[in-house]
Amino acid sequence: MRMILAVAAVLCSASAFAQTEKPPMVGDKPLVQVKPKGTNEAAATPAAAAKGKPQSIAVRLQACLEIDDGTKDRLNCYDAVIPPAPKPKPAKAKGYADCRFFKEEDERLACFNGFAESIPKLPRN
């Protein structure tokens, strides 16, 4: 009889736990991540698309070009791909990775734009 009561208590608490609106958490992340219904990958922003499937840096930099030029959003997109690491007197950038060393946001944006526009268009898979 005790075994039946113990099983019933576990099942009832498990079903009550499953009925809560907030998903179970592991640390600060949900235990299970489910994509909401009705989301369309084609309608996603370039930054959100970069977070989906693993993509090359070149594809993610080109996705940032879809955001209006000269905006903080485009720079934030670039910074999400290659985090900034400003130096007091950076050398001239020889590649897109060197753009992260520019302290001034305008210089960093212009540097990333120059390299991202020069990359041959790659297919997004």
Protein backbone atom coordinates (compact mmCIF):
# COMPACT_ATOMS: atom_id res chain seq x y z
CA MET A 1 0.00 0.00 0.00
CA ARG A 2 2.87 2.40 0.80
CA MET A 3 4.44 1.68 -2.58
CA ILE A 4 1.19 2.60 -4.37
CA LEU A 5 0.91 5.84 -2.37
CA ALA A 6 4.56 6.72 -3.14
CA VAL A 7 4.06 6.12 -6.88
CA ALA A 8 0.83 8.14 -6.84
CA ALA A 9 2.56 11.02 -5.04
CA VAL A 10 5.39 11.04 -7.59
CA LEU A 11 3.00 10.93 -10.54
CA CYS A 12 0.81 13.69 -9.13
CA SER A 13 3.76 15.96 -8.43
CA ALA A 14 5.22 15.25 -11.87
CA SER A 15 1.94 16.11 -13.57
CA ALA A 16 1.62 19.29 -11.49
CA PHE A 17 5.19 20.26 -12.42
CA ALA A 18 4.39 19.69 -16.11
CA GLN A 19 1.41 22.07 -15.91
CA THR A 20 3.45 25.15 -14.95
CA GLU A 21 3.87 27.88 -17.59
CA LYS A 22 7.56 28.40 -16.97
CA PRO A 23 9.80 25.66 -18.40
CA PRO A 24 12.12 23.75 -16.10
CA MET A 25 15.47 25.52 -15.83
CA VAL A 26 19.06 24.31 -15.69
CA GLY A 27 20.99 27.25 -14.29
CA ASP A 28 19.61 30.23 -16.21
CA LYS A 29 18.71 28.32 -19.40
CA PRO A 30 15.55 26.31 -20.11
CA LEU A 31 15.96 22.54 -19.92
CA VAL A 32 14.29 22.12 -23.32
CA GLN A 33 14.32 24.81 -26.00
CA VAL A 34 11.43 24.58 -28.43
CA LYS A 35 11.06 26.79 -31.48
CA PRO A 36 7.73 28.68 -31.29
CA LYS A 37 5.11 27.74 -33.85
CA GLY A 38 4.69 30.04 -36.83
CA THR A 39 8.26 31.29 -36.96
CA ASN A 40 9.64 31.69 -40.42
CA GLU A 41 13.40 31.46 -40.94
CA ALA A 42 13.22 33.60 -44.07
CA ALA A 43 11.63 36.44 -42.10
CA ALA A 44 14.29 36.33 -39.40
CA THR A 45 16.75 39.19 -39.04
CA PRO A 46 20.33 38.64 -40.21
CA ALA A 47 21.61 38.60 -36.65
CA ALA A 48 19.01 36.02 -35.64
CA ALA A 49 19.82 33.93 -38.71
CA ALA A 50 23.47 33.95 -37.68
CA LYS A 51 22.53 32.38 -34.34
CA GLY A 52 20.57 29.49 -35.93
CA LYS A 53 22.80 27.10 -37.84
CA PRO A 54 26.56 27.24 -37.64
CA GLN A 55 27.67 29.50 -40.49
CA SER A 56 31.00 30.77 -41.68
CA ILE A 57 32.23 34.15 -40.53
CA ALA A 58 32.01 35.42 -44.12
CA VAL A 59 28.30 34.54 -44.38
CA ARG A 60 27.57 36.18 -41.02
CA LEU A 61 29.47 39.35 -42.00
CA GLN A 62 27.55 39.50 -45.28
CA ALA A 63 24.28 39.10 -43.37
CA CYS A 64 25.17 42.26 -41.45
CA LEU A 65 25.25 44.15 -44.76
CA GLU A 66 21.46 43.77 -44.94
CA ILE A 67 21.10 46.19 -42.02
CA ASP A 68 21.05 49.91 -42.88
CA ASP A 69 24.57 51.29 -43.27
CA GLY A 70 25.93 53.71 -40.71
CA THR A 71 23.70 52.41 -37.93
CA LYS A 72 24.57 51.13 -34.49
CA ASP A 73 22.63 47.95 -35.34
CA ARG A 74 25.02 47.05 -38.15
CA LEU A 75 28.04 47.63 -35.92
CA ASN A 76 26.41 45.51 -33.20
CA CYS A 77 25.91 42.77 -35.79
CA TYR A 78 29.59 42.89 -36.76
CA ASP A 79 30.63 42.98 -33.10
CA ALA A 80 28.51 39.87 -32.46
CA VAL A 81 30.46 38.03 -35.17
CA ILE A 82 33.89 39.34 -34.13
CA PRO A 83 33.91 40.88 -30.63
CA PRO A 84 35.84 44.16 -30.38
CA ALA A 85 39.23 44.26 -28.67
CA PRO A 86 40.27 47.93 -28.99
CA LYS A 87 43.93 48.90 -28.94
CA PRO A 88 45.25 52.45 -28.39
CA LYS A 89 47.13 52.59 -31.72
CA PRO A 90 46.00 49.76 -34.02
CA ALA A 91 47.92 49.02 -37.21
CA LYS A 92 46.21 49.22 -40.60
CA ALA A 93 43.75 46.34 -40.98
CA LYS A 94 44.99 43.60 -43.30
CA GLY A 95 41.91 41.42 -42.80
CA TYR A 96 38.42 41.56 -41.33
CA ALA A 97 39.68 40.18 -38.00
CA ASP A 98 41.93 43.23 -37.58
CA CYS A 99 38.87 45.52 -37.59
CA ARG A 100 38.12 44.57 -33.99
CA PHE A 101 41.18 46.48 -32.82
CA PHE A 102 39.81 49.92 -33.81
CA LYS A 103 38.60 51.88 -30.80
CA GLU A 104 36.41 54.38 -32.71
CA GLU A 105 33.06 52.89 -33.72
CA ASP A 106 33.00 54.74 -37.07
CA GLU A 107 36.42 53.40 -38.02
CA ARG A 108 35.45 49.87 -36.97
CA LEU A 109 32.20 50.05 -38.95
CA ALA A 110 33.97 51.37 -42.07
CA CYS A 111 36.62 48.66 -41.76
CA PHE A 112 34.05 45.87 -41.45
CA ASN A 113 31.96 47.31 -44.30
CA GLY A 114 34.99 47.37 -46.60
CA PHE A 115 35.90 43.77 -45.96
CA ALA A 116 32.32 42.42 -45.86
CA GLU A 117 31.51 44.04 -49.22
CA SER A 118 34.66 42.59 -50.80
CA ILE A 119 33.86 39.00 -49.80
CA PRO A 120 32.45 37.01 -52.74
CA LYS A 121 28.76 36.24 -52.20
CA LEU A 122 28.41 32.85 -50.57
CA PRO A 123 25.25 30.74 -50.52
CA ARG A 124 23.39 30.64 -47.21
CA ASN A 125 22.72 27.06 -46.27
